[in-house]
Amino acid sequence: MKIKKRIRKLFPLDFYGEDRGWRFVIRAYNTAEVFDALMWRSFLSVRRQELNLLHLAIETFPYQSDYSEGRVAEISGSHGALMRVKMLGPVVEVSALNKAYHDKVTSEALLSTPNISLRTAIN
């Protein structure tokens, strides 16, 4: 009896990250992007505010967030009740993150370099 081998599809790989209860996915499409995806996941878990992931997202995924008693008291005013909130997290490609970061760095570099023609005109 001939056994047919099933080819496993490994890519795209999704790497899930979280920052203060807000979840996101970094998607790698090939082996060269895996290390970058791991780096982006750890970077964005700490400093999510530096890049707008919702603007870069190619799709979203649903998840439920369970709030603890402290957060529930702040949100709803009820004490001791568990609150579940349905949310959507962004799925972002590694290539989009690399491009956004490169654009951000180059624009900051252009703003920080002095304009030579302006200096010579003043002196």
PDB file of N, CA and C in Angstrom:
ATOM      1  N   MET A   1       0.836  -1.175   0.000  1.00  0.00           N
ATOM      2  CA  MET A   1       0.000   0.000   0.000  1.00  0.00           C
ATOM      3  C   MET A   1       0.888   1.249   0.000  1.00  0.00           C
ATOM      4  N   LYS A   2       0.599   2.133  -0.898  1.00  0.00           N
ATOM      5  CA  LYS A   2       1.400   3.341  -1.025  1.00  0.00           C
ATOM      6  C   LYS A   2       0.842   4.424  -0.101  1.00  0.00           C
ATOM      7  N   ILE A   3       1.731   4.997   0.693  1.00  0.00           N
ATOM      8  CA  ILE A   3       1.329   6.070   1.608  1.00  0.00           C
ATOM      9  C   ILE A   3       1.750   7.398   0.989  1.00  0.00           C
ATOM     10  N   LYS A   4       0.800   8.273   0.893  1.00  0.00           N
ATOM     11  CA  LYS A   4       1.066   9.580   0.322  1.00  0.00           C
ATOM     12  C   LYS A   4       1.566  10.514   1.424  1.00  0.00           C
ATOM     13  N   LYS A   5       2.707  11.120   1.187  1.00  0.00           N
ATOM     14  CA  LYS A   5       3.233  12.062   2.164  1.00  0.00           C
ATOM     15  C   LYS A   5       2.484  13.379   2.046  1.00  0.00           C
ATOM     16  N   ARG A   6       2.138  13.889   3.190  1.00  0.00           N
ATOM     17  CA  ARG A   6       1.471  15.178   3.219  1.00  0.00           C
ATOM     18  C   ARG A   6       2.521  16.263   3.452  1.00  0.00           C
ATOM     19  N   ILE A   7       2.541  17.231   2.601  1.00  0.00           N
ATOM     20  CA  ILE A   7       3.501  18.319   2.729  1.00  0.00           C
ATOM     21  C   ILE A   7       2.921  19.352   3.690  1.00  0.00           C
ATOM     22  N   ARG A   8       3.700  19.610   4.749  1.00  0.00           N
ATOM     23  CA  ARG A   8       3.258  20.600   5.726  1.00  0.00           C
ATOM     24  C   ARG A   8       3.594  21.997   5.240  1.00  0.00           C
ATOM     25  N   LYS A   9       2.630  22.824   5.332  1.00  0.00           N
ATOM     26  CA  LYS A   9       2.836  24.217   4.970  1.00  0.00           C
ATOM     27  C   LYS A   9       3.228  24.971   6.242  1.00  0.00           C
ATOM     28  N   LEU A  10       4.446  25.478   6.277  1.00  0.00           N
ATOM     29  CA  LEU A  10       4.928  26.162   7.468  1.00  0.00           C
ATOM     30  C   LEU A  10       4.663  27.663   7.451  1.00  0.00           C
ATOM     31  N   PHE A  11       4.647  28.230   6.275  1.00  0.00           N
ATOM     32  CA  PHE A  11       4.510  29.680   6.190  1.00  0.00           C
ATOM     33  C   PHE A  11       3.159  30.046   5.625  1.00  0.00           C
ATOM     34  N   PRO A  12       2.595  31.133   6.050  1.00  0.00           N
ATOM     35  CA  PRO A  12       3.114  32.167   6.933  1.00  0.00           C
ATOM     36  C   PRO A  12       3.052  31.752   8.410  1.00  0.00           C
ATOM     37  N   LEU A  13       4.053  32.218   9.159  1.00  0.00           N
ATOM     38  CA  LEU A  13       4.104  31.995  10.601  1.00  0.00           C
ATOM     39  C   LEU A  13       3.612  33.245  11.312  1.00  0.00           C
ATOM     40  N   ASP A  14       2.764  33.046  12.314  1.00  0.00           N
ATOM     41  CA  ASP A  14       2.249  34.163  13.099  1.00  0.00           C
ATOM     42  C   ASP A  14       2.885  34.158  14.479  1.00  0.00           C
ATOM     43  N   PHE A  15       3.375  35.314  14.897  1.00  0.00           N
ATOM     44  CA  PHE A  15       3.963  35.489  16.221  1.00  0.00           C
ATOM     45  C   PHE A  15       3.074  36.454  17.000  1.00  0.00           C
ATOM     46  N   TYR A  16       2.493  35.966  18.086  1.00  0.00           N
ATOM     47  CA  TYR A  16       1.560  36.754  18.878  1.00  0.00           C
ATOM     48  C   TYR A  16       2.306  37.541  19.943  1.00  0.00           C
ATOM     49  N   GLY A  17       1.936  38.801  20.107  1.00  0.00           N
ATOM     50  CA  GLY A  17       2.513  39.652  21.134  1.00  0.00           C
ATOM     51  C   GLY A  17       1.408  40.356  21.899  1.00  0.00           C
ATOM     52  N   GLU A  18       1.771  40.909  23.057  1.00  0.00           N
ATOM     53  CA  GLU A  18       0.782  41.582  23.893  1.00  0.00           C
ATOM     54  C   GLU A  18       1.441  42.741  24.617  1.00  0.00           C
ATOM     55  N   ASP A  19       0.707  43.837  24.718  1.00  0.00           N
ATOM     56  CA  ASP A  19       1.167  44.997  25.469  1.00  0.00           C
ATOM     57  C   ASP A  19      -0.008  45.542  26.258  1.00  0.00           C
ATOM     58  N   ARG A  20       0.024  45.375  27.567  1.00  0.00           N
ATOM     59  CA  ARG A  20      -1.025  45.860  28.478  1.00  0.00           C
ATOM     60  C   ARG A  20      -2.423  45.405  28.060  1.00  0.00           C
ATOM     61  N   GLY A  21      -2.574  44.141  27.745  1.00  0.00           N
ATOM     62  CA  GLY A  21      -3.880  43.597  27.400  1.00  0.00           C
ATOM     63  C   GLY A  21      -4.279  43.781  25.949  1.00  0.00           C
ATOM     64  N   TRP A  22      -3.473  44.451  25.167  1.00  0.00           N
ATOM     65  CA  TRP A  22      -3.763  44.673  23.755  1.00  0.00           C
ATOM     66  C   TRP A  22      -2.899  43.732  22.946  1.00  0.00           C
ATOM     67  N   ARG A  23      -3.495  42.864  22.148  1.00  0.00           N
ATOM     68  CA  ARG A  23      -2.757  41.819  21.427  1.00  0.00           C
ATOM     69  C   ARG A  23      -2.589  42.166  19.954  1.00  0.00           C
ATOM     70  N   PHE A  24      -1.529  41.622  19.376  1.00  0.00           N
ATOM     71  CA  PHE A  24      -1.235  41.846  17.962  1.00  0.00           C
ATOM     72  C   PHE A  24      -0.502  40.631  17.417  1.00  0.00           C
ATOM     73  N   VAL A  25      -0.442  40.528  16.081  1.00  0.00           N
ATOM     74  CA  VAL A  25       0.235  39.423  15.405  1.00  0.00           C
ATOM     75  C   VAL A  25       1.240  40.003  14.419  1.00  0.00           C
ATOM     76  N   ILE A  26       2.456  39.434  14.436  1.00  0.00           N
ATOM     77  CA  ILE A  26       3.472  39.761  13.443  1.00  0.00           C
ATOM     78  C   ILE A  26       3.590  38.546  12.531  1.00  0.00           C
ATOM     79  N   ARG A  27       3.418  38.737  11.228  1.00  0.00           N
ATOM     80  CA  ARG A  27       3.391  37.622  10.279  1.00  0.00           C
ATOM     81  C   ARG A  27       4.665  37.580   9.430  1.00  0.00           C
ATOM     82  N   ALA A  28       5.306  36.401   9.428  1.00  0.00           N
ATOM     83  CA  ALA A  28       6.503  36.165   8.610  1.00  0.00           C
ATOM     84  C   ALA A  28       6.130  35.237   7.458  1.00  0.00           C
ATOM     85  N   TYR A  29       6.568  35.579   6.247  1.00  0.00           N
ATOM     86  CA  TYR A  29       6.232  34.795   5.064  1.00  0.00           C
ATOM     87  C   TYR A  29       7.345  33.872   4.585  1.00  0.00           C
ATOM     88  N   ASN A  30       8.566  34.041   5.101  1.00  0.00           N
ATOM     89  CA  ASN A  30       9.666  33.151   4.717  1.00  0.00           C
ATOM     90  C   ASN A  30      10.669  33.061   5.864  1.00  0.00           C
ATOM     91  N   THR A  31      11.680  32.223   5.682  1.00  0.00           N
ATOM     92  CA  THR A  31      12.639  31.986   6.762  1.00  0.00           C
ATOM     93  C   THR A  31      13.474  33.223   7.076  1.00  0.00           C
ATOM     94  N   ALA A  32      13.700  34.079   6.111  1.00  0.00           N
ATOM     95  CA  ALA A  32      14.486  35.286   6.352  1.00  0.00           C
ATOM     96  C   ALA A  32      13.760  36.268   7.272  1.00  0.00           C
ATOM     97  N   GLU A  33      12.435  36.191   7.333  1.00  0.00           N
ATOM     98  CA  GLU A  33      11.657  37.127   8.142  1.00  0.00           C
ATOM     99  C   GLU A  33      11.387  36.633   9.560  1.00  0.00           C
ATOM    100  N   VAL A  34      11.734  35.394   9.880  1.00  0.00           N
ATOM    101  CA  VAL A  34      11.402  34.835  11.197  1.00  0.00           C
ATOM    102  C   VAL A  34      12.122  35.584  12.313  1.00  0.00           C
ATOM    103  N   PHE A  35      13.421  35.807  12.154  1.00  0.00           N
ATOM    104  CA  PHE A  35      14.175  36.521  13.188  1.00  0.00           C
ATOM    105  C   PHE A  35      13.665  37.948  13.350  1.00  0.00           C
ATOM    106  N   ASP A  36      13.351  38.610  12.226  1.00  0.00           N
ATOM    107  CA  ASP A  36      12.793  39.962  12.294  1.00  0.00           C
ATOM    108  C   ASP A  36      11.450  39.972  13.016  1.00  0.00           C
ATOM    109  N   ALA A  37      10.631  38.956  12.773  1.00  0.00           N
ATOM    110  CA  ALA A  37       9.327  38.876  13.436  1.00  0.00           C
ATOM    111  C   ALA A  37       9.490  38.730  14.949  1.00  0.00           C
ATOM    112  N   LEU A  38      10.438  37.915  15.370  1.00  0.00           N
ATOM    113  CA  LEU A  38      10.693  37.770  16.807  1.00  0.00           C
ATOM    114  C   LEU A  38      11.191  39.081  17.413  1.00  0.00           C
ATOM    115  N   MET A  39      12.044  39.779  16.688  1.00  0.00           N
ATOM    116  CA  MET A  39      12.548  41.062  17.164  1.00  0.00           C
ATOM    117  C   MET A  39      11.424  42.092  17.261  1.00  0.00           C
ATOM    118  N   TRP A  40      10.565  42.145  16.247  1.00  0.00           N
ATOM    119  CA  TRP A  40       9.452  43.096  16.255  1.00  0.00           C
ATOM    120  C   TRP A  40       8.457  42.782  17.361  1.00  0.00           C
ATOM    121  N   ARG A  41       8.210  41.507  17.601  1.00  0.00           N
ATOM    122  CA  ARG A  41       7.280  41.134  18.670  1.00  0.00           C
ATOM    123  C   ARG A  41       7.782  41.633  20.018  1.00  0.00           C
ATOM    124  N   SER A  42       9.062  41.434  20.305  1.00  0.00           N
ATOM    125  CA  SER A  42       9.594  41.892  21.589  1.00  0.00           C
ATOM    126  C   SER A  42       9.664  43.421  21.650  1.00  0.00           C
ATOM    127  N   PHE A  43      10.004  44.071  20.550  1.00  0.00           N
ATOM    128  CA  PHE A  43      10.070  45.534  20.515  1.00  0.00           C
ATOM    129  C   PHE A  43       8.697  46.151  20.744  1.00  0.00           C
ATOM    130  N   LEU A  44       7.684  45.633  20.036  1.00  0.00           N
ATOM    131  CA  LEU A  44       6.344  46.211  20.136  1.00  0.00           C
ATOM    132  C   LEU A  44       5.641  45.849  21.438  1.00  0.00           C
ATOM    133  N   SER A  45       6.055  44.771  22.084  1.00  0.00           N
ATOM    134  CA  SER A  45       5.482  44.440  23.385  1.00  0.00           C
ATOM    135  C   SER A  45       5.886  45.466  24.434  1.00  0.00           C
ATOM    136  N   VAL A  46       6.992  46.144  24.205  1.00  0.00           N
ATOM    137  CA  VAL A  46       7.464  47.158  25.148  1.00  0.00           C
ATOM    138  C   VAL A  46       7.093  48.568  24.682  1.00  0.00           C
ATOM    139  N   ARG A  47       7.273  48.836  23.384  1.00  0.00           N
ATOM    140  CA  ARG A  47       7.055  50.190  22.864  1.00  0.00           C
ATOM    141  C   ARG A  47       6.083  50.186  21.690  1.00  0.00           C
ATOM    142  N   ARG A  48       4.856  49.806  21.967  1.00  0.00           N
ATOM    143  CA  ARG A  48       3.839  49.715  20.922  1.00  0.00           C
ATOM    144  C   ARG A  48       3.461  51.085  20.370  1.00  0.00           C
ATOM    145  N   GLN A  49       3.597  52.133  21.150  1.00  0.00           N
ATOM    146  CA  GLN A  49       3.143  53.460  20.742  1.00  0.00           C
ATOM    147  C   GLN A  49       3.990  54.071  19.626  1.00  0.00           C
ATOM    148  N   GLU A  50       5.178  53.511  19.374  1.00  0.00           N
ATOM    149  CA  GLU A  50       6.070  54.119  18.390  1.00  0.00           C
ATOM    150  C   GLU A  50       5.632  53.895  16.940  1.00  0.00           C
ATOM    151  N   LEU A  51       4.870  52.843  16.684  1.00  0.00           N
ATOM    152  CA  LEU A  51       4.372  52.574  15.330  1.00  0.00           C
ATOM    153  C   LEU A  51       2.867  52.361  15.382  1.00  0.00           C
ATOM    154  N   ASN A  52       2.174  52.851  14.374  1.00  0.00           N
ATOM    155  CA  ASN A  52       0.727  52.692  14.300  1.00  0.00           C
ATOM    156  C   ASN A  52       0.410  51.350  13.634  1.00  0.00           C
ATOM    157  N   LEU A  53       0.182  50.327  14.459  1.00  0.00           N
ATOM    158  CA  LEU A  53      -0.071  48.989  13.922  1.00  0.00           C
ATOM    159  C   LEU A  53      -1.409  48.900  13.203  1.00  0.00           C
ATOM    160  N   LEU A  54      -2.395  49.659  13.641  1.00  0.00           N
ATOM    161  CA  LEU A  54      -3.701  49.607  12.984  1.00  0.00           C
ATOM    162  C   LEU A  54      -3.618  50.125  11.552  1.00  0.00           C
ATOM    163  N   HIS A  55      -2.744  51.090  11.315  1.00  0.00           N
ATOM    164  CA  HIS A  55      -2.556  51.630   9.967  1.00  0.00           C
ATOM    165  C   HIS A  55      -1.811  50.635   9.073  1.00  0.00           C
ATOM    166  N   LEU A  56      -0.913  49.840   9.665  1.00  0.00           N
ATOM    167  CA  LEU A  56      -0.106  48.888   8.899  1.00  0.00           C
ATOM    168  C   LEU A  56      -0.768  47.518   8.745  1.00  0.00           C
ATOM    169  N   ALA A  57      -1.869  47.278   9.437  1.00  0.00           N
ATOM    170  CA  ALA A  57      -2.487  45.949   9.478  1.00  0.00           C
ATOM    171  C   ALA A  57      -3.046  45.534   8.123  1.00  0.00           C
ATOM    172  N   ILE A  58      -2.879  44.236   7.813  1.00  0.00           N
ATOM    173  CA  ILE A  58      -3.451  43.689   6.583  1.00  0.00           C
ATOM    174  C   ILE A  58      -4.772  42.988   6.866  1.00  0.00           C
ATOM    175  N   GLU A  59      -4.977  42.577   8.112  1.00  0.00           N
ATOM    176  CA  GLU A  59      -6.231  41.973   8.549  1.00  0.00           C
ATOM    177  C   GLU A  59      -6.297  42.041  10.068  1.00  0.00           C
ATOM    178  N   THR A  60      -7.388  41.541  10.637  1.00  0.00           N
ATOM    179  CA  THR A  60      -7.543  41.525  12.092  1.00  0.00           C
ATOM    180  C   THR A  60      -7.939  40.130  12.548  1.00  0.00           C
ATOM    181  N   PHE A  61      -7.749  39.869  13.831  1.00  0.00           N
ATOM    182  CA  PHE A  61      -8.178  38.606  14.414  1.00  0.00           C
ATOM    183  C   PHE A  61      -8.961  38.910  15.690  1.00  0.00           C
ATOM    184  N   PRO A  62     -10.027  38.148  15.955  1.00  0.00           N
ATOM    185  CA  PRO A  62     -10.829  38.398  17.163  1.00  0.00           C
ATOM    186  C   PRO A  62     -10.247  37.683  18.380  1.00  0.00           C
ATOM    187  N   TYR A  63     -10.403  38.288  19.547  1.00  0.00           N
ATOM    188  CA  TYR A  63     -10.033  37.647  20.807  1.00  0.00           C
ATOM    189  C   TYR A  63     -10.859  38.254  21.927  1.00  0.00           C
ATOM    190  N   GLN A  64     -10.944  37.521  23.035  1.00  0.00           N
ATOM    191  CA  GLN A  64     -11.659  38.001  24.209  1.00  0.00           C
ATOM    192  C   GLN A  64     -10.663  38.353  25.285  1.00  0.00           C
ATOM    193  N   SER A  65     -10.884  39.481  25.921  1.00  0.00           N
ATOM    194  CA  SER A  65     -10.007  39.920  26.995  1.00  0.00           C
ATOM    195  C   SER A  65     -10.791  39.869  28.297  1.00  0.00           C
ATOM    196  N   ASP A  66     -10.241  39.174  29.285  1.00  0.00           N
ATOM    197  CA  ASP A  66     -10.859  39.093  30.607  1.00  0.00           C
ATOM    198  C   ASP A  66     -10.222  40.139  31.505  1.00  0.00           C
ATOM    199  N   TYR A  67     -11.040  41.023  32.043  1.00  0.00           N
ATOM    200  CA  TYR A  67     -10.522  42.065  32.916  1.00  0.00           C
ATOM    201  C   TYR A  67     -10.589  41.607  34.360  1.00  0.00           C
ATOM    202  N   SER A  68      -9.566  41.961  35.116  1.00  0.00           N
ATOM    203  CA  SER A  68      -9.513  41.579  36.523  1.00  0.00           C
ATOM    204  C   SER A  68     -10.455  42.460  37.339  1.00  0.00           C
ATOM    205  N   GLU A  69     -10.559  42.158  38.631  1.00  0.00           N
ATOM    206  CA  GLU A  69     -11.485  42.901  39.485  1.00  0.00           C
ATOM    207  C   GLU A  69     -11.137  44.378  39.552  1.00  0.00           C
ATOM    208  N   GLY A  70      -9.862  44.703  39.586  1.00  0.00           N
ATOM    209  CA  GLY A  70      -9.456  46.104  39.647  1.00  0.00           C
ATOM    210  C   GLY A  70      -9.865  46.876  38.412  1.00  0.00           C
ATOM    211  N   ARG A  71      -9.655  46.282  37.261  1.00  0.00           N
ATOM    212  CA  ARG A  71     -10.038  46.940  36.012  1.00  0.00           C
ATOM    213  C   ARG A  71     -11.552  47.004  35.853  1.00  0.00           C
ATOM    214  N   VAL A  72     -12.244  45.966  36.307  1.00  0.00           N
ATOM    215  CA  VAL A  72     -13.706  45.955  36.200  1.00  0.00           C
ATOM    216  C   VAL A  72     -14.288  47.081  37.021  1.00  0.00           C
ATOM    217  N   ALA A  73     -13.752  47.289  38.218  1.00  0.00           N
ATOM    218  CA  ALA A  73     -14.256  48.360  39.066  1.00  0.00           C
ATOM    219  C   ALA A  73     -14.037  49.719  38.408  1.00  0.00           C
ATOM    220  N   GLU A  74     -12.922  49.874  37.711  1.00  0.00           N
ATOM    221  CA  GLU A  74     -12.655  51.134  37.027  1.00  0.00           C
ATOM    222  C   GLU A  74     -13.578  51.332  35.833  1.00  0.00           C
ATOM    223  N   ILE A  75     -13.834  50.252  35.100  1.00  0.00           N
ATOM    224  CA  ILE A  75     -14.592  50.372  33.852  1.00  0.00           C
ATOM    225  C   ILE A  75     -16.095  50.467  34.100  1.00  0.00           C
ATOM    226  N   SER A  76     -16.631  49.516  34.849  1.00  0.00           N
ATOM    227  CA  SER A  76     -18.085  49.434  34.934  1.00  0.00           C
ATOM    228  C   SER A  76     -18.654  49.910  36.258  1.00  0.00           C
ATOM    229  N   GLY A  77     -17.822  50.079  37.262  1.00  0.00           N
ATOM    230  CA  GLY A  77     -18.330  50.499  38.559  1.00  0.00           C
ATOM    231  C   GLY A  77     -18.849  49.355  39.399  1.00  0.00           C
ATOM    232  N   SER A  78     -18.932  48.152  38.858  1.00  0.00           N
ATOM    233  CA  SER A  78     -19.387  46.996  39.630  1.00  0.00           C
ATOM    234  C   SER A  78     -18.178  46.305  40.223  1.00  0.00           C
ATOM    235  N   HIS A  79     -18.281  45.883  41.452  1.00  0.00           N
ATOM    236  CA  HIS A  79     -17.152  45.263  42.138  1.00  0.00           C
ATOM    237  C   HIS A  79     -17.321  43.758  42.166  1.00  0.00           C
ATOM    238  N   GLY A  80     -16.262  43.032  41.798  1.00  0.00           N
ATOM    239  CA  GLY A  80     -16.257  41.584  41.911  1.00  0.00           C
ATOM    240  C   GLY A  80     -16.760  40.822  40.704  1.00  0.00           C
ATOM    241  N   ALA A  81     -17.360  41.471  39.728  1.00  0.00           N
ATOM    242  CA  ALA A  81     -17.875  40.767  38.552  1.00  0.00           C
ATOM    243  C   ALA A  81     -16.792  40.706  37.481  1.00  0.00           C
ATOM    244  N   LEU A  82     -16.676  39.560  36.836  1.00  0.00           N
ATOM    245  CA  LEU A  82     -15.705  39.401  35.763  1.00  0.00           C
ATOM    246  C   LEU A  82     -16.304  39.921  34.460  1.00  0.00           C
ATOM    247  N   MET A  83     -15.526  40.682  33.744  1.00  0.00           N
ATOM    248  CA  MET A  83     -16.019  41.305  32.517  1.00  0.00           C
ATOM    249  C   MET A  83     -15.197  40.810  31.334  1.00  0.00           C
ATOM    250  N   ARG A  84     -15.853  40.322  30.304  1.00  0.00           N
ATOM    251  CA  ARG A  84     -15.183  39.884  29.078  1.00  0.00           C
ATOM    252  C   ARG A  84     -15.501  40.864  27.961  1.00  0.00           C
ATOM    253  N   VAL A  85     -14.447  41.272  27.291  1.00  0.00           N
ATOM    254  CA  VAL A  85     -14.590  42.245  26.214  1.00  0.00           C
ATOM    255  C   VAL A  85     -14.072  41.612  24.929  1.00  0.00           C
ATOM    256  N   LYS A  86     -14.880  41.670  23.867  1.00  0.00           N
ATOM    257  CA  LYS A  86     -14.441  41.168  22.563  1.00  0.00           C
ATOM    258  C   LYS A  86     -13.688  42.283  21.851  1.00  0.00           C
ATOM    259  N   MET A  87     -12.500  41.924  21.361  1.00  0.00           N
ATOM    260  CA  MET A  87     -11.645  42.914  20.717  1.00  0.00           C
ATOM    261  C   MET A  87     -11.107  42.359  19.405  1.00  0.00           C
ATOM    262  N   LEU A  88     -10.565  43.241  18.583  1.00  0.00           N
ATOM    263  CA  LEU A  88      -9.911  42.854  17.335  1.00  0.00           C
ATOM    264  C   LEU A  88      -8.455  43.295  17.399  1.00  0.00           C
ATOM    265  N   GLY A  89      -7.559  42.370  17.099  1.00  0.00           N
ATOM    266  CA  GLY A  89      -6.132  42.684  17.084  1.00  0.00           C
ATOM    267  C   GLY A  89      -5.625  42.754  15.657  1.00  0.00           C
ATOM    268  N   PRO A  90      -4.641  43.606  15.392  1.00  0.00           N
ATOM    269  CA  PRO A  90      -4.113  43.738  14.031  1.00  0.00           C
ATOM    270  C   PRO A  90      -3.115  42.638  13.685  1.00  0.00           C
ATOM    271  N   VAL A  91      -3.102  42.247  12.420  1.00  0.00           N
ATOM    272  CA  VAL A  91      -2.097  41.333  11.869  1.00  0.00           C
ATOM    273  C   VAL A  91      -1.221  42.174  10.943  1.00  0.00           C
ATOM    274  N   VAL A  92       0.083  42.236  11.258  1.00  0.00           N
ATOM    275  CA  VAL A  92       0.999  43.110  10.530  1.00  0.00           C
ATOM    276  C   VAL A  92       2.123  42.275   9.929  1.00  0.00           C
ATOM    277  N   GLU A  93       2.467  42.554   8.686  1.00  0.00           N
ATOM    278  CA  GLU A  93       3.564  41.851   8.017  1.00  0.00           C
ATOM    279  C   GLU A  93       4.908  42.426   8.451  1.00  0.00           C
ATOM    280  N   VAL A  94       5.925  41.577   8.468  1.00  0.00           N
ATOM    281  CA  VAL A  94       7.276  42.006   8.833  1.00  0.00           C
ATOM    282  C   VAL A  94       7.787  43.048   7.844  1.00  0.00           C
ATOM    283  N   SER A  95       7.529  42.847   6.573  1.00  0.00           N
ATOM    284  CA  SER A  95       8.013  43.792   5.560  1.00  0.00           C
ATOM    285  C   SER A  95       7.403  45.181   5.756  1.00  0.00           C
ATOM    286  N   ALA A  96       6.137  45.248   6.157  1.00  0.00           N
ATOM    287  CA  ALA A  96       5.498  46.546   6.409  1.00  0.00           C
ATOM    288  C   ALA A  96       6.118  47.234   7.619  1.00  0.00           C
ATOM    289  N   LEU A  97       6.439  46.466   8.657  1.00  0.00           N
ATOM    290  CA  LEU A  97       7.092  47.041   9.836  1.00  0.00           C
ATOM    291  C   LEU A  97       8.490  47.545   9.497  1.00  0.00           C
ATOM    292  N   ASN A  98       9.241  46.759   8.728  1.00  0.00           N
ATOM    293  CA  ASN A  98      10.585  47.187   8.331  1.00  0.00           C
ATOM    294  C   ASN A  98      10.536  48.475   7.513  1.00  0.00           C
ATOM    295  N   LYS A  99       9.583  48.560   6.586  1.00  0.00           N
ATOM    296  CA  LYS A  99       9.454  49.757   5.752  1.00  0.00           C
ATOM    297  C   LYS A  99       9.038  50.961   6.588  1.00  0.00           C
ATOM    298  N   ALA A 100       8.083  50.788   7.501  1.00  0.00           N
ATOM    299  CA  ALA A 100       7.631  51.896   8.342  1.00  0.00           C
ATOM    300  C   ALA A 100       8.759  52.400   9.238  1.00  0.00           C
ATOM    301  N   TYR A 101       9.533  51.483   9.780  1.00  0.00           N
ATOM    302  CA  TYR A 101      10.654  51.880  10.635  1.00  0.00           C
ATOM    303  C   TYR A 101      11.727  52.604   9.822  1.00  0.00           C
ATOM    304  N   HIS A 102      12.013  52.098   8.622  1.00  0.00           N
ATOM    305  CA  HIS A 102      13.003  52.748   7.755  1.00  0.00           C
ATOM    306  C   HIS A 102      12.544  54.155   7.383  1.00  0.00           C
ATOM    307  N   ASP A 103      11.269  54.324   7.045  1.00  0.00           N
ATOM    308  CA  ASP A 103      10.736  55.643   6.709  1.00  0.00           C
ATOM    309  C   ASP A 103      10.816  56.589   7.897  1.00  0.00           C
ATOM    310  N   LYS A 104      10.528  56.081   9.085  1.00  0.00           N
ATOM    311  CA  LYS A 104      10.568  56.901  10.298  1.00  0.00           C
ATOM    312  C   LYS A 104      11.990  57.361  10.591  1.00  0.00           C
ATOM    313  N   VAL A 105      12.954  56.455  10.469  1.00  0.00           N
ATOM    314  CA  VAL A 105      14.354  56.792  10.748  1.00  0.00           C
ATOM    315  C   VAL A 105      14.882  57.794   9.731  1.00  0.00           C
ATOM    316  N   THR A 106      14.565  57.615   8.460  1.00  0.00           N
ATOM    317  CA  THR A 106      15.060  58.545   7.442  1.00  0.00           C
ATOM    318  C   THR A 106      14.422  59.924   7.591  1.00  0.00           C
ATOM    319  N   SER A 107      13.142  59.991   7.947  1.00  0.00           N
ATOM    320  CA  SER A 107      12.509  61.303   8.139  1.00  0.00           C
ATOM    321  C   SER A 107      13.084  62.009   9.363  1.00  0.00           C
ATOM    322  N   GLU A 108      13.386  61.265  10.433  1.00  0.00           N
ATOM    323  CA  GLU A 108      14.011  61.875  11.608  1.00  0.00           C
ATOM    324  C   GLU A 108      15.423  62.342  11.287  1.00  0.00           C
ATOM    325  N   ALA A 109      16.140  61.595  10.464  1.00  0.00           N
ATOM    326  CA  ALA A 109      17.498  61.988  10.088  1.00  0.00           C
ATOM    327  C   ALA A 109      17.480  63.255   9.238  1.00  0.00           C
ATOM    328  N   LEU A 110      16.506  63.365   8.350  1.00  0.00           N
ATOM    329  CA  LEU A 110      16.406  64.567   7.523  1.00  0.00           C
ATOM    330  C   LEU A 110      16.058  65.790   8.358  1.00  0.00           C
ATOM    331  N   LEU A 111      15.222  65.607   9.375  1.00  0.00           N
ATOM    332  CA  LEU A 111      14.849  66.728  10.227  1.00  0.00           C
ATOM    333  C   LEU A 111      15.983  67.152  11.153  1.00  0.00           C
ATOM    334  N   SER A 112      16.834  66.218  11.545  1.00  0.00           N
ATOM    335  CA  SER A 112      17.892  66.546  12.501  1.00  0.00           C
ATOM    336  C   SER A 112      19.151  67.099  11.842  1.00  0.00           C
ATOM    337  N   THR A 113      19.350  66.872  10.543  1.00  0.00           N
ATOM    338  CA  THR A 113      20.553  67.395   9.880  1.00  0.00           C
ATOM    339  C   THR A 113      20.361  68.876   9.573  1.00  0.00           C
ATOM    340  N   PRO A 114      21.385  69.685   9.854  1.00  0.00           N
ATOM    341  CA  PRO A 114      21.255  71.125   9.585  1.00  0.00           C
ATOM    342  C   PRO A 114      21.298  71.408   8.087  1.00  0.00           C
ATOM    343  N   ASN A 115      20.602  72.422   7.702  1.00  0.00           N
ATOM    344  CA  ASN A 115      20.573  72.838   6.302  1.00  0.00           C
ATOM    345  C   ASN A 115      21.801  73.709   6.037  1.00  0.00           C
ATOM    346  N   ILE A 116      22.724  73.231   5.234  1.00  0.00           N
ATOM    347  CA  ILE A 116      23.996  73.915   5.009  1.00  0.00           C
ATOM    348  C   ILE A 116      23.789  75.226   4.254  1.00  0.00           C
ATOM    349  N   SER A 117      22.921  75.256   3.287  1.00  0.00           N
ATOM    350  CA  SER A 117      22.716  76.476   2.511  1.00  0.00           C
ATOM    351  C   SER A 117      22.125  77.582   3.378  1.00  0.00           C
ATOM    352  N   LEU A 118      21.305  77.248   4.343  1.00  0.00           N
ATOM    353  CA  LEU A 118      20.728  78.234   5.246  1.00  0.00           C
ATOM    354  C   LEU A 118      21.807  78.805   6.158  1.00  0.00           C
ATOM    355  N   ARG A 119      22.724  77.982   6.636  1.00  0.00           N
ATOM    356  CA  ARG A 119      23.808  78.450   7.503  1.00  0.00           C
ATOM    357  C   ARG A 119      24.758  79.381   6.740  1.00  0.00           C
ATOM    358  N   THR A 120      25.075  79.050   5.524  1.00  0.00           N
ATOM    359  CA  THR A 120      25.988  79.905   4.761  1.00  0.00           C
ATOM    360  C   THR A 120      25.326  81.233   4.423  1.00  0.00           C
ATOM    361  N   ALA A 121      24.028  81.254   4.247  1.00  0.00           N
ATOM    362  CA  ALA A 121      23.322  82.494   3.953  1.00  0.00           C
ATOM    363  C   ALA A 121      23.298  83.409   5.171  1.00  0.00           C
ATOM    364  N   ILE A 122      23.216  82.833   6.366  1.00  0.00           N
ATOM    365  CA  ILE A 122      23.186  83.635   7.591  1.00  0.00           C
ATOM    366  C   ILE A 122      24.559  84.228   7.869  1.00  0.00           C
ATOM    367  N   ASN A 123      25.623  83.436   7.680  1.00  0.00           N
ATOM    368  CA  ASN A 123      26.993  83.905   7.959  1.00  0.00           C
ATOM    369  C   ASN A 123      27.442  84.740   6.807  1.00  0.00           C
TER     370      ASN A 123
END
